[in-house]
Amino acid sequence: MTIDTLADLDGLTDWVHAGAQGVLLLDCRISTSVVAPYLSEMMQQGPRPVAVD
């Protein structure tokens, strides 16, 4: 199953509700329009200082 949008995950939900028999392979595409909230927070904070020994 190819996942291009969040709506495509409905197929995963249907599979789980049907009993999740066997193996389901998800091909999740990378998108610049779907960003996890924690990634947004990290990007706003900027780079962290690097320790130098």
C-alpha atoms as a PDB file:
ATOM      1  CA  MET A   1       0.000   0.000   0.000  1.00  0.00           C
ATOM      2  CA  THR A   2       1.430   3.359  -1.016  1.00  0.00           C
ATOM      3  CA  ILE A   3       0.919   6.244   1.388  1.00  0.00           C
ATOM      4  CA  ASP A   4       1.152   9.637  -0.322  1.00  0.00           C
ATOM      5  CA  THR A   5      -1.215  11.556   1.986  1.00  0.00           C
ATOM      6  CA  LEU A   6      -2.577  11.181   5.504  1.00  0.00           C
ATOM      7  CA  ALA A   7      -5.907  10.130   3.986  1.00  0.00           C
ATOM      8  CA  ASP A   8      -4.185   7.080   2.482  1.00  0.00           C
ATOM      9  CA  LEU A   9      -3.782   5.744   6.020  1.00  0.00           C
ATOM     10  CA  ASP A  10      -7.516   4.965   5.994  1.00  0.00           C
ATOM     11  CA  GLY A  11      -6.572   1.750   4.188  1.00  0.00           C
ATOM     12  CA  LEU A  12      -4.352   0.808   7.125  1.00  0.00           C
ATOM     13  CA  THR A  13      -7.215   1.490   9.537  1.00  0.00           C
ATOM     14  CA  ASP A  14      -9.536  -0.693   7.463  1.00  0.00           C
ATOM     15  CA  TRP A  15      -6.978  -3.525   7.455  1.00  0.00           C
ATOM     16  CA  VAL A  16      -6.545  -3.347  11.250  1.00  0.00           C
ATOM     17  CA  HIS A  17     -10.314  -3.299  11.840  1.00  0.00           C
ATOM     18  CA  ALA A  18     -10.670  -6.338   9.549  1.00  0.00           C
ATOM     19  CA  GLY A  19      -8.359  -8.337  11.813  1.00  0.00           C
ATOM     20  CA  ALA A  20      -4.895  -7.435  10.462  1.00  0.00           C
ATOM     21  CA  GLN A  21      -4.284 -10.863   8.965  1.00  0.00           C
ATOM     22  CA  GLY A  22      -0.874 -11.442   7.413  1.00  0.00           C
ATOM     23  CA  VAL A  23       1.663  -8.739   6.689  1.00  0.00           C
ATOM     24  CA  LEU A  24       0.973  -5.265   5.361  1.00  0.00           C
ATOM     25  CA  LEU A  25       3.803  -3.399   3.680  1.00  0.00           C
ATOM     26  CA  LEU A  26       3.494   0.384   3.674  1.00  0.00           C
ATOM     27  CA  ASP A  27       5.408   2.486   1.145  1.00  0.00           C
ATOM     28  CA  CYS A  28       5.375   5.856   2.915  1.00  0.00           C
ATOM     29  CA  ARG A  29       6.403   8.732   0.683  1.00  0.00           C
ATOM     30  CA  ILE A  30       8.382  11.688   1.943  1.00  0.00           C
ATOM     31  CA  SER A  31       6.492  14.969   1.785  1.00  0.00           C
ATOM     32  CA  THR A  32       7.494  18.513   2.612  1.00  0.00           C
ATOM     33  CA  SER A  33       3.839  19.350   3.288  1.00  0.00           C
ATOM     34  CA  VAL A  34       3.410  16.810   6.115  1.00  0.00           C
ATOM     35  CA  VAL A  35       5.736  17.591   9.016  1.00  0.00           C
ATOM     36  CA  ALA A  36       5.593  16.105  12.505  1.00  0.00           C
ATOM     37  CA  PRO A  37       5.061  18.737  15.215  1.00  0.00           C
ATOM     38  CA  TYR A  38       8.296  17.793  16.992  1.00  0.00           C
ATOM     39  CA  LEU A  39      10.278  18.408  13.789  1.00  0.00           C
ATOM     40  CA  SER A  40       8.776  21.877  13.433  1.00  0.00           C
ATOM     41  CA  GLU A  41       9.785  22.683  17.008  1.00  0.00           C
ATOM     42  CA  MET A  42      13.332  21.448  16.437  1.00  0.00           C
ATOM     43  CA  MET A  43      13.688  23.515  13.256  1.00  0.00           C
ATOM     44  CA  GLN A  44      12.473  26.670  15.040  1.00  0.00           C
ATOM     45  CA  GLN A  45      15.048  26.223  17.801  1.00  0.00           C
ATOM     46  CA  GLY A  46      17.883  26.136  15.309  1.00  0.00           C
ATOM     47  CA  PRO A  47      21.097  24.126  15.477  1.00  0.00           C
ATOM     48  CA  ARG A  48      22.427  22.948  18.807  1.00  0.00           C
ATOM     49  CA  PRO A  49      25.983  23.780  19.837  1.00  0.00           C
ATOM     50  CA  VAL A  50      28.493  21.016  19.224  1.00  0.00           C
ATOM     51  CA  ALA A  51      30.742  19.969  22.099  1.00  0.00           C
ATOM     52  CA  VAL A  52      34.427  20.229  21.251  1.00  0.00           C
ATOM     53  CA  ASP A  53      36.941  18.152  23.192  1.00  0.00           C
END
